[in-house]
Protein backbone atom coordinates (compact mmCIF):
# COMPACT_ATOMS: atom_id res chain seq x y z
CA UNK A 1 -9.14 -8.49 190.16
CA UNK A 2 -10.26 -10.70 187.29
CA UNK A 3 -13.48 -10.63 185.54
CA UNK A 4 -14.55 -14.02 187.08
CA UNK A 5 -13.87 -12.78 190.64
CA UNK A 6 -15.95 -9.66 190.35
CA UNK A 7 -18.89 -11.38 189.32
CA UNK A 8 -18.65 -14.09 191.59
CA UNK A 9 -18.39 -10.92 194.62
CA UNK A 10 -21.28 -9.23 192.79
CA UNK A 11 -23.57 -12.20 192.68
CA UNK A 12 -22.71 -13.67 195.93
CA UNK A 13 -25.75 -13.71 198.22
CA UNK A 14 -25.51 -13.06 202.11
CA UNK A 15 -27.64 -11.96 204.94
CA UNK A 16 -27.60 -9.67 207.91
CA UNK A 17 -29.01 -9.92 210.91
CA UNK A 18 -30.40 -6.96 213.13
CA UNK A 19 -29.54 -8.60 215.90
CA UNK A 20 -31.35 -6.30 218.33
CA UNK A 21 -34.39 -7.62 217.23
CA UNK A 22 -33.73 -11.02 217.16
CA UNK A 23 -35.43 -13.56 219.81
CA UNK A 24 -33.88 -16.45 219.11
CA UNK A 25 -37.27 -18.18 217.64
CA UNK A 26 -34.88 -19.98 215.65
CA UNK A 27 -37.35 -20.05 212.65
CA UNK A 28 -34.21 -19.03 210.26
CA UNK A 29 -31.92 -21.61 211.67
CA UNK A 30 -34.92 -24.45 211.03
CA UNK A 31 -35.35 -23.15 207.66
CA UNK A 32 -32.49 -22.27 205.96
CA UNK A 33 -31.68 -25.27 203.84
CA UNK A 34 -28.26 -24.63 203.46
CA UNK A 35 -27.60 -24.42 207.13
CA UNK A 36 -26.21 -20.92 207.23
CA UNK A 37 -27.73 -19.25 210.24
CA UNK A 38 -26.86 -20.59 213.80
CA UNK A 39 -27.17 -19.14 217.15
CA UNK A 40 -24.70 -16.74 218.65
CA UNK A 41 -23.10 -17.54 221.98
CA UNK A 42 -23.16 -13.97 222.91
CA UNK A 43 -26.68 -11.87 224.28
CA UNK A 44 -28.38 -9.49 222.84
CA UNK A 45 -29.86 -6.23 224.80
CA UNK A 46 -33.23 -7.99 225.26
CA UNK A 47 -31.50 -10.65 226.93
CA UNK A 48 -31.62 -13.51 223.83
CA UNK A 49 -29.21 -15.36 222.01
CA UNK A 50 -29.49 -13.35 218.57
CA UNK A 51 -29.41 -15.88 215.02
CA UNK A 52 -25.41 -15.38 213.57
CA UNK A 53 -24.96 -15.33 209.89
CA UNK A 54 -22.40 -17.76 208.47
CA UNK A 55 -22.98 -19.09 205.16
CA UNK A 56 -20.82 -16.61 203.27
CA UNK A 57 -20.17 -18.30 199.89
CA UNK A 58 -23.14 -20.91 200.74
CA UNK A 59 -25.98 -18.81 200.94
CA UNK A 60 -28.49 -18.72 197.52
CA UNK A 61 -30.43 -15.90 198.25
CA UNK A 62 -33.77 -17.68 198.38
CA UNK A 63 -35.24 -15.64 201.22
CA UNK A 64 -36.67 -18.12 202.97
CA UNK A 65 -35.11 -16.90 206.35
CA UNK A 66 -36.41 -13.27 206.30
CA UNK A 67 -39.72 -14.53 204.93
CA UNK A 68 -40.06 -16.65 208.28
CA UNK A 69 -38.47 -13.96 210.70
CA UNK A 70 -41.70 -13.00 213.17
CA UNK A 71 -39.14 -9.96 213.97
CA UNK A 72 -38.18 -8.38 210.76
CA UNK A 73 -34.63 -9.30 211.77
CA UNK A 74 -33.06 -10.15 208.28
CA UNK A 75 -32.48 -8.56 205.39
CA UNK A 76 -31.18 -10.89 202.38
CA UNK A 77 -28.62 -9.22 199.30
CA UNK A 78 -28.02 -10.73 196.45
């Protein structure tokens, strides 16, 4: 693995959505400036369609999604 590839992987931002906490309010979807989050088609144990991260390579780790989430269901990694 080249040093450039290694460096990119270490700095690539992403989020993890705790789907069992998500109540599908869509705040994160509407807030994400890079459109990295969508609503999933599957249903969680609470009966909601949880948010789903689809922004690998696009996410900047800005944390706006985590800040607006009323259920603290989003963790951001940079």
